Amino acid sequence: MSTPHKGRGALDGLRIADFSRVLAGPYATMLLGDLGADVVKVERPGIGDETRAWHPPADHDGTSTYFLSVNRNKRSVVLDLTTEAGREQARALVAECDVVVENFRPGTMARLGLGHEQLRARHPELIYCSISGFGSGAGAAIPGYDLLVQAVGGLMSVTGTADGEPVKAGVALVDVITGLHASLGILAALRHRDATGEGQRVEVNLLGSLLSAMVNQASAFAVAGVVPGRMGNAHPSIAPYETLPTADRPLALAVGNDRQFAALAEAVGDPALALDDRFRTNADRVAHRAELRDLLTERLSAEGADHWSTVLLAAGVPAGPVNTLDEAFAYAQKLGLPGIVDIPAAPADGEEGRPSRQVAHPIALSRTPAQYRLPPPGLGRHSTQILPPAGTEPTT
């Protein structure tokens, strides 16, 4: 297991007022917090971020593992934005921050007096990131739920078997992608501010993020008018690039070129496959994928997935078993990659809770690596430490 890193972060000195909740926004701000930003999470009284109660599963204190997954390196304050006193405190907090992140339904923050134009008038250097489901125009009133966007955005239409129902991804993938886009947009806006002193608004939405992330599938339609469909685990442009059965469990094969296919044919004991006119080139293999699948399945049935993974990787063929999540973490550890980090409680910062086990930050920086300073906070734990008293006039 990895241990917390102490030292200077790449984003030290950056302060973020995080009004977002659930997943896309909190994921973005957690990534920035890992890189050194001071993230102040603004939550509702009594309820907080609704994912606090999204369980099972939960830790031994009853906090959902969903909330814990995207809220480390943050301090929590409670504000009632339905009251003028709460809004005053929010404006005072924003006055001390470089970035605001929010994912309310479009127009909500403006109605509260905390919209981009209202805050920009007093803080022209402010970076203001808004995350929505379907943008701030005609789709503003449509709730932004990941499942809904996977459906209407086309992802489910290409996920699942050809003769089965459309299937969602096994994780809220659109929220995660949108969070990545939000963090990228914030960093780009900060770079512009460094050069000019000028803040700006960053807007990302779930539907636009998904359409961008559909990459080759979206390009097939945009360029060639092709509307792709479901192919199970197969690839529309490469073969063999799918899972195949073995003597025990499925094996993923990702053969991207003719050299790898020749190595595959040799490794499974049938080098003549690479000389077969049906399989000489990738285009040939795509055209005859069903025949190729049957032939490979016959040969792979002789051994289990772990055996073939070892043999094929040694031959330079990308292959691996379909792991469960515990096996995936064990595999990462075997390869020397950071998988899980243990974050101790931080009593010096007002934390009286317990250590937290977290999934490691995925970006490696040689000079300013990710830090794990704070476990996910209790609701409002830092309110008295951070918030000015009600009635405090915001700094201009």
Protein backbone atom coordinates (compact mmCIF):
# COMPACT_ATOMS: atom_id res chain seq x y z
CA MET A 1 0.00 0.00 0.00
CA SER A 2 1.18 3.55 -0.72
CA THR A 3 1.80 6.03 2.08
CA PRO A 4 0.86 9.72 2.18
CA HIS A 5 3.29 12.16 0.58
CA LYS A 6 4.22 15.30 2.47
CA GLY A 7 5.65 18.27 0.61
CA ARG A 8 4.80 21.02 -1.79
CA GLY A 9 2.03 20.34 -4.29
CA ALA A 10 1.85 21.68 -7.83
CA LEU A 11 -1.29 23.68 -6.93
CA ASP A 12 -0.17 24.95 -3.51
CA GLY A 13 -1.69 28.36 -2.83
CA LEU A 14 -4.78 27.70 -4.94
CA ARG A 15 -8.07 27.82 -3.07
CA ILE A 16 -11.33 26.38 -4.38
CA ALA A 17 -14.87 26.98 -3.15
CA ASP A 18 -16.57 23.73 -4.08
CA PHE A 19 -20.38 23.98 -4.18
CA SER A 20 -20.70 20.75 -6.17
CA ARG A 21 -22.01 17.41 -5.01
CA VAL A 22 -22.46 13.79 -6.07
CA LEU A 23 -19.70 12.88 -8.57
CA ALA A 24 -18.51 14.98 -11.53
CA GLY A 25 -17.71 18.13 -9.54
CA PRO A 26 -16.38 16.39 -6.42
CA TYR A 27 -14.16 14.15 -8.56
CA ALA A 28 -12.70 17.20 -10.32
CA THR A 29 -12.03 19.07 -7.09
CA MET A 30 -10.56 16.00 -5.38
CA LEU A 31 -8.04 15.62 -8.21
CA LEU A 32 -7.08 19.28 -7.81
CA GLY A 33 -6.92 18.85 -4.05
CA ASP A 34 -4.56 15.90 -4.48
CA LEU A 35 -2.28 18.21 -6.45
CA GLY A 36 -2.14 20.73 -3.61
CA ALA A 37 -5.22 22.95 -3.90
CA ASP A 38 -7.07 23.88 -0.72
CA VAL A 39 -10.63 22.72 -1.41
CA VAL A 40 -13.46 23.99 0.78
CA LYS A 41 -16.54 21.83 0.29
CA VAL A 42 -19.78 23.75 0.86
CA GLU A 43 -22.61 21.48 2.04
CA ARG A 44 -26.24 21.80 3.06
CA PRO A 45 -27.20 21.77 6.74
CA GLY A 46 -28.18 18.36 8.07
CA ILE A 47 -27.90 16.59 4.71
CA GLY A 48 -24.63 17.61 3.18
CA ASP A 49 -23.65 16.01 -0.09
CA GLU A 50 -26.42 13.47 -0.72
CA THR A 51 -23.88 10.75 -1.50
CA ARG A 52 -23.01 10.65 2.22
CA ALA A 53 -26.13 8.47 2.57
CA TRP A 54 -25.78 6.43 -0.63
CA HIS A 55 -25.20 3.02 0.91
CA PRO A 56 -24.63 0.16 1.24
CA PRO A 57 -21.73 -0.17 1.31
CA ALA A 58 -20.57 2.16 4.08
CA ASP A 59 -17.64 2.43 6.46
CA HIS A 60 -18.00 1.54 10.14
CA ASP A 61 -19.16 5.09 10.94
CA GLY A 62 -22.00 4.89 8.44
CA THR A 63 -20.54 7.14 5.74
CA SER A 64 -21.02 5.73 2.26
CA THR A 65 -18.00 4.49 0.36
CA TYR A 66 -19.41 6.46 -2.60
CA PHE A 67 -18.88 9.76 -0.75
CA LEU A 68 -15.48 8.65 0.52
CA SER A 69 -14.33 7.88 -3.05
CA VAL A 70 -14.32 11.52 -4.23
CA ASN A 71 -13.94 13.77 -1.21
CA ARG A 72 -10.48 13.44 0.30
CA ASN A 73 -8.22 16.49 0.63
CA LYS A 74 -11.21 18.73 1.34
CA ARG A 75 -12.49 20.69 4.30
CA SER A 76 -16.24 20.76 4.86
CA VAL A 77 -18.33 23.76 5.83
CA VAL A 78 -22.10 23.95 6.20
CA LEU A 79 -24.00 26.87 4.66
CA ASP A 80 -27.72 27.40 4.26
CA LEU A 81 -27.86 29.16 0.90
CA THR A 82 -31.61 29.64 1.24
CA THR A 83 -30.93 32.37 3.84
CA GLU A 84 -29.33 35.74 3.30
CA ALA A 85 -26.93 35.08 6.16
CA GLY A 86 -25.75 31.90 4.45
CA ARG A 87 -25.35 33.67 1.14
CA GLU A 88 -23.34 36.44 2.80
CA GLN A 89 -20.99 33.86 4.25
CA ALA A 90 -20.72 32.19 0.85
CA ARG A 91 -19.76 35.50 -0.79
CA ALA A 92 -17.18 36.10 1.93
CA LEU A 93 -15.74 32.63 1.30
CA VAL A 94 -15.61 33.20 -2.47
CA ALA A 95 -13.73 36.44 -1.89
CA GLU A 96 -10.88 34.37 -0.46
CA CYS A 97 -10.87 31.81 -3.30
CA ASP A 98 -9.38 31.52 -6.77
CA VAL A 99 -11.93 29.08 -8.18
CA VAL A 100 -15.62 28.36 -7.72
CA VAL A 101 -17.04 24.99 -8.81
CA GLU A 102 -20.79 24.38 -8.91
CA ASN A 103 -23.16 21.85 -10.46
CA PHE A 104 -26.59 23.18 -9.54
CA ARG A 105 -29.22 23.26 -12.24
CA PRO A 106 -28.39 26.20 -14.57
CA GLY A 107 -29.70 29.47 -13.18
CA THR A 108 -29.80 28.35 -9.54
CA MET A 109 -26.59 30.07 -8.46
CA ALA A 110 -27.65 33.30 -10.17
CA ARG A 111 -30.97 33.24 -8.29
CA LEU A 112 -28.97 32.93 -5.08
CA GLY A 113 -26.83 35.94 -6.00
CA LEU A 114 -23.82 33.67 -6.53
CA GLY A 115 -23.82 33.41 -10.31
CA HIS A 116 -20.80 34.03 -12.50
CA GLU A 117 -21.70 37.54 -13.59
CA GLN A 118 -22.59 38.59 -10.05
CA LEU A 119 -19.34 37.33 -8.58
CA ARG A 120 -17.20 38.46 -11.53
CA ALA A 121 -18.30 42.05 -10.97
CA ARG A 122 -16.52 42.00 -7.61
CA HIS A 123 -13.79 39.48 -8.46
CA PRO A 124 -12.75 39.79 -12.12
CA GLU A 125 -9.89 37.35 -11.54
CA LEU A 126 -12.22 34.54 -10.41
CA ILE A 127 -12.35 31.21 -12.27
CA TYR A 128 -15.96 30.01 -12.21
CA CYS A 129 -16.64 26.42 -13.30
CA SER A 130 -20.23 25.33 -13.96
CA ILE A 131 -21.07 21.67 -14.54
CA SER A 132 -24.48 20.76 -15.94
CA GLY A 133 -26.22 17.80 -17.50
CA PHE A 134 -27.26 19.28 -20.81
CA GLY A 135 -25.90 22.83 -20.94
CA SER A 136 -27.46 26.16 -20.01
CA GLY A 137 -29.68 26.55 -23.08
CA ALA A 138 -32.65 24.45 -24.18
CA GLY A 139 -31.48 21.53 -22.03
CA ALA A 140 -31.09 23.51 -18.82
CA ALA A 141 -34.15 22.00 -17.14
CA ILE A 142 -33.22 18.36 -17.85
CA PRO A 143 -31.78 16.65 -14.74
CA GLY A 144 -28.20 15.52 -15.28
CA TYR A 145 -28.03 11.91 -14.17
CA ASP A 146 -25.29 9.65 -15.52
CA LEU A 147 -27.65 6.82 -16.51
CA LEU A 148 -29.85 9.23 -18.45
CA VAL A 149 -26.88 10.66 -20.33
CA GLN A 150 -25.49 7.20 -21.12
CA ALA A 151 -28.89 6.44 -22.67
CA VAL A 152 -29.63 9.61 -24.64
CA GLY A 153 -25.96 10.22 -25.46
CA GLY A 154 -25.52 6.96 -27.37
CA LEU A 155 -23.17 5.09 -25.05
CA MET A 156 -25.73 2.42 -24.18
CA SER A 157 -26.47 1.89 -27.88
CA VAL A 158 -22.93 0.56 -28.39
CA THR A 159 -22.65 -1.29 -25.06
CA GLY A 160 -23.91 -4.86 -24.72
CA THR A 161 -24.30 -7.83 -27.01
CA ALA A 162 -25.73 -7.46 -30.50
CA ASP A 163 -28.83 -9.51 -29.65
CA GLY A 164 -29.25 -8.21 -26.11
CA GLU A 165 -30.50 -5.04 -24.46
CA PRO A 166 -28.48 -1.82 -24.35
CA VAL A 167 -26.35 -1.81 -21.20
CA LYS A 168 -24.85 1.00 -19.14
CA ALA A 169 -21.20 0.99 -18.14
CA GLY A 170 -20.59 -0.54 -14.72
CA VAL A 171 -19.53 2.79 -13.23
CA ALA A 172 -20.81 6.36 -13.66
CA LEU A 173 -18.35 6.85 -16.47
CA VAL A 174 -19.91 10.03 -17.91
CA ASP A 175 -19.64 11.79 -14.55
CA VAL A 176 -15.98 10.79 -14.29
CA ILE A 177 -15.19 11.99 -17.82
CA THR A 178 -16.99 15.26 -17.17
CA GLY A 179 -15.02 15.74 -13.96
CA LEU A 180 -11.79 15.28 -15.90
CA HIS A 181 -12.93 17.84 -18.45
CA ALA A 182 -13.84 20.25 -15.67
CA SER A 183 -10.42 19.97 -14.03
CA LEU A 184 -8.71 20.45 -17.41
CA GLY A 185 -10.82 23.53 -18.12
CA ILE A 186 -10.01 25.00 -14.72
CA LEU A 187 -6.28 24.50 -15.23
CA ALA A 188 -6.47 26.10 -18.69
CA ALA A 189 -8.34 29.09 -17.25
CA LEU A 190 -5.76 29.43 -14.48
CA ARG A 191 -2.96 29.43 -17.07
CA HIS A 192 -4.74 32.27 -18.89
CA ARG A 193 -5.15 34.15 -15.61
CA ASP A 194 -1.46 33.74 -14.85
CA ALA A 195 -0.69 35.45 -18.16
CA THR A 196 -3.35 38.18 -18.11
CA GLY A 197 -4.80 38.48 -14.61
CA GLU A 198 -8.22 37.82 -16.11
CA GLY A 199 -10.64 35.21 -14.80
CA GLN A 200 -13.29 33.47 -16.89
CA ARG A 201 -16.15 31.03 -16.83
CA VAL A 202 -15.59 27.33 -17.53
CA GLU A 203 -18.67 25.37 -18.62
CA VAL A 204 -18.82 21.62 -19.11
CA ASN A 205 -21.84 19.36 -19.47
CA LEU A 206 -22.38 15.62 -19.29
CA LEU A 207 -23.80 15.19 -22.80
CA GLY A 208 -21.03 17.13 -24.54
CA SER A 209 -18.39 15.30 -22.51
CA LEU A 210 -19.83 11.93 -23.50
CA LEU A 211 -20.06 12.80 -27.21
CA SER A 212 -16.40 13.83 -27.13
CA ALA A 213 -15.45 10.65 -25.25
CA MET A 214 -17.17 8.46 -27.84
CA VAL A 215 -14.08 9.20 -30.02
CA ASN A 216 -13.89 6.67 -32.89
CA GLN A 217 -17.57 5.76 -32.61
CA ALA A 218 -18.60 9.41 -32.80
CA SER A 219 -16.14 10.03 -35.63
CA ALA A 220 -17.61 7.13 -37.60
CA PHE A 221 -20.89 9.00 -37.63
CA ALA A 222 -19.51 12.53 -38.04
CA VAL A 223 -17.22 11.64 -40.94
CA ALA A 224 -18.82 8.63 -42.63
CA GLY A 225 -22.44 8.71 -41.45
CA VAL A 226 -22.06 5.28 -39.85
CA VAL A 227 -24.33 4.66 -36.85
CA PRO A 228 -22.51 2.00 -34.80
CA GLY A 229 -24.31 -0.70 -32.87
CA ARG A 230 -23.61 -3.16 -30.08
CA MET A 231 -20.88 -5.74 -30.63
CA GLY A 232 -20.39 -7.14 -27.16
CA ASN A 233 -16.68 -7.06 -26.38
CA ALA A 234 -15.58 -6.97 -30.02
CA HIS A 235 -14.12 -3.92 -31.76
CA PRO A 236 -15.61 -2.50 -34.98
CA SER A 237 -12.21 -1.89 -36.59
CA ILE A 238 -9.77 -4.43 -35.11
CA ALA A 239 -9.70 -8.24 -34.77
CA PRO A 240 -9.06 -10.15 -32.63
CA TYR A 241 -9.81 -7.42 -30.08
CA GLU A 242 -12.29 -8.94 -27.63
CA THR A 243 -12.70 -11.48 -24.87
CA LEU A 244 -12.55 -15.18 -25.72
CA PRO A 245 -13.35 -18.20 -23.56
CA THR A 246 -10.57 -20.41 -22.20
CA ALA A 247 -10.59 -23.56 -20.09
CA ASP A 248 -11.70 -21.57 -17.04
CA ARG A 249 -12.54 -17.87 -17.56
CA PRO A 250 -12.52 -15.25 -20.32
CA LEU A 251 -9.29 -13.89 -21.74
CA ALA A 252 -9.01 -10.41 -23.23
CA LEU A 253 -7.02 -10.26 -26.47
CA ALA A 254 -6.02 -6.86 -27.88
CA VAL A 255 -4.18 -7.64 -31.12
CA GLY A 256 -3.48 -4.33 -32.81
CA ASN A 257 -1.23 -5.25 -35.76
CA ASP A 258 -0.09 -8.07 -38.03
CA ARG A 259 3.10 -8.72 -36.07
CA GLN A 260 1.14 -9.31 -32.90
CA PHE A 261 -1.25 -11.61 -34.75
CA ALA A 262 1.63 -13.70 -36.07
CA ALA A 263 2.97 -13.98 -32.53
CA LEU A 264 -0.48 -15.00 -31.31
CA ALA A 265 -0.77 -17.71 -33.95
CA GLU A 266 2.67 -19.06 -33.00
CA ALA A 267 1.88 -18.98 -29.27
CA VAL A 268 -1.37 -20.94 -29.61
CA GLY A 269 0.38 -23.57 -31.70
CA ASP A 270 -1.04 -22.71 -35.12
CA PRO A 271 1.40 -20.42 -36.98
CA ALA A 272 -0.41 -21.16 -40.25
CA LEU A 273 -3.22 -18.85 -39.11
CA ALA A 274 -1.06 -15.83 -39.92
CA LEU A 275 -0.59 -17.10 -43.49
CA ASP A 276 -4.26 -17.86 -44.06
CA ASP A 277 -5.70 -15.48 -46.69
CA ARG A 278 -8.66 -14.84 -44.41
CA PHE A 279 -6.41 -13.49 -41.65
CA ARG A 280 -3.30 -11.99 -43.28
CA THR A 281 -4.19 -8.36 -42.57
CA ASN A 282 -6.34 -6.65 -39.99
CA ALA A 283 -8.93 -5.85 -42.65
CA ASP A 284 -9.04 -9.56 -43.55
CA ARG A 285 -9.45 -10.52 -39.91
CA VAL A 286 -12.26 -8.01 -39.37
CA ALA A 287 -14.05 -9.40 -42.46
CA HIS A 288 -13.73 -12.97 -41.13
CA ARG A 289 -13.92 -12.28 -37.39
CA ALA A 290 -16.48 -15.04 -36.67
CA GLU A 291 -14.32 -17.73 -38.27
CA LEU A 292 -11.24 -16.42 -36.49
CA ARG A 293 -13.02 -16.38 -33.16
CA ASP A 294 -14.06 -20.03 -33.55
CA LEU A 295 -10.53 -21.12 -34.43
CA LEU A 296 -8.95 -19.23 -31.55
CA THR A 297 -11.55 -20.42 -29.07
CA GLU A 298 -10.76 -24.02 -30.00
CA ARG A 299 -7.05 -23.51 -29.28
CA LEU A 300 -7.50 -21.43 -26.14
CA SER A 301 -9.79 -24.06 -24.60
CA ALA A 302 -6.76 -26.21 -23.86
CA GLU A 303 -5.60 -24.02 -20.94
CA GLY A 304 -6.87 -21.42 -18.51
CA ALA A 305 -6.76 -17.65 -18.83
CA ASP A 306 -3.79 -17.17 -16.46
CA HIS A 307 -1.70 -19.62 -18.47
CA TRP A 308 -2.49 -17.92 -21.76
CA SER A 309 -1.91 -14.48 -20.30
CA THR A 310 1.60 -15.49 -19.23
CA VAL A 311 2.43 -17.17 -22.54
CA LEU A 312 0.99 -14.43 -24.74
CA LEU A 313 2.51 -11.52 -22.86
CA ALA A 314 5.90 -13.24 -23.09
CA ALA A 315 5.35 -13.40 -26.85
CA GLY A 316 4.50 -9.71 -27.06
CA VAL A 317 0.74 -10.21 -27.45
CA PRO A 318 -1.47 -7.93 -25.30
CA ALA A 319 -3.61 -10.31 -23.25
CA GLY A 320 -5.02 -10.72 -19.77
CA PRO A 321 -7.79 -12.37 -17.78
CA VAL A 322 -11.03 -10.59 -16.92
CA ASN A 323 -10.24 -9.74 -13.31
CA THR A 324 -12.56 -8.98 -10.46
CA LEU A 325 -11.82 -5.70 -8.68
CA ASP A 326 -9.83 -7.34 -5.89
CA GLU A 327 -7.75 -9.13 -8.52
CA ALA A 328 -7.28 -5.83 -10.37
CA PHE A 329 -5.80 -4.15 -7.29
CA ALA A 330 -3.58 -7.16 -6.68
CA TYR A 331 -2.41 -6.98 -10.30
CA ALA A 332 -1.54 -3.29 -9.95
CA GLN A 333 0.42 -4.04 -6.80
CA LYS A 334 2.26 -6.86 -8.56
CA LEU A 335 3.29 -4.41 -11.28
CA GLY A 336 4.51 -1.88 -8.72
CA LEU A 337 1.72 0.59 -9.48
CA PRO A 338 0.03 2.59 -6.72
CA GLY A 339 -3.37 1.13 -5.99
CA ILE A 340 -4.49 2.01 -2.49
CA VAL A 341 -3.23 4.64 -0.07
CA ASP A 342 -3.92 4.87 3.65
CA ILE A 343 -4.58 8.40 4.91
CA PRO A 344 -4.24 8.93 8.65
CA ALA A 345 -6.60 11.18 10.60
CA ALA A 346 -5.38 14.76 10.88
CA PRO A 347 -6.11 15.98 14.43
CA ALA A 348 -3.93 19.05 13.94
CA ASP A 349 -6.38 20.23 11.30
CA GLY A 350 -9.46 19.62 13.38
CA GLU A 351 -10.06 16.05 12.25
CA GLU A 352 -10.99 13.67 15.03
CA GLY A 353 -12.04 10.83 12.80
CA ARG A 354 -10.30 7.70 11.72
CA PRO A 355 -7.82 6.90 8.96
CA SER A 356 -9.24 6.41 5.50
CA ARG A 357 -8.28 3.90 2.84
CA GLN A 358 -8.37 5.53 -0.59
CA VAL A 359 -7.68 4.73 -4.24
CA ALA A 360 -4.42 6.37 -5.28
CA HIS A 361 -4.26 9.44 -7.51
CA PRO A 362 -3.44 8.27 -11.06
CA ILE A 363 -1.05 11.06 -12.15
CA ALA A 364 2.66 10.72 -11.33
CA LEU A 365 4.58 14.00 -11.13
CA SER A 366 8.34 13.78 -10.56
CA ARG A 367 8.67 17.09 -8.69
CA THR A 368 5.28 17.66 -7.11
CA PRO A 369 3.56 14.29 -6.63
CA ALA A 370 0.00 13.95 -5.42
CA GLN A 371 -0.51 14.46 -1.69
CA TYR A 372 -2.90 12.78 0.71
CA ARG A 373 -3.29 15.36 3.44
CA LEU A 374 -6.83 14.90 4.68
CA PRO A 375 -9.31 12.03 4.83
CA PRO A 376 -12.83 12.78 3.56
CA PRO A 377 -14.28 15.25 6.08
CA GLY A 378 -17.19 14.93 8.43
CA LEU A 379 -20.12 17.16 7.57
CA GLY A 380 -19.34 20.77 8.53
CA ARG A 381 -16.23 19.79 10.46
CA HIS A 382 -14.37 22.91 9.39
CA SER A 383 -17.16 25.48 9.48
CA THR A 384 -15.90 27.39 12.51
CA GLN A 385 -12.33 27.21 11.28
CA ILE A 386 -13.04 28.63 7.82
CA LEU A 387 -16.25 30.62 7.69
CA PRO A 388 -16.38 34.25 8.76
CA PRO A 389 -19.16 35.12 11.20
CA ALA A 390 -22.53 35.84 9.64
CA GLY A 391 -22.79 39.49 8.64
CA THR A 392 -19.13 39.78 7.67
CA GLU A 393 -18.68 42.04 4.66
CA PRO A 394 -16.96 40.20 1.76
CA THR A 395 -13.54 41.45 0.73
CA THR A 396 -13.56 43.33 -2.58
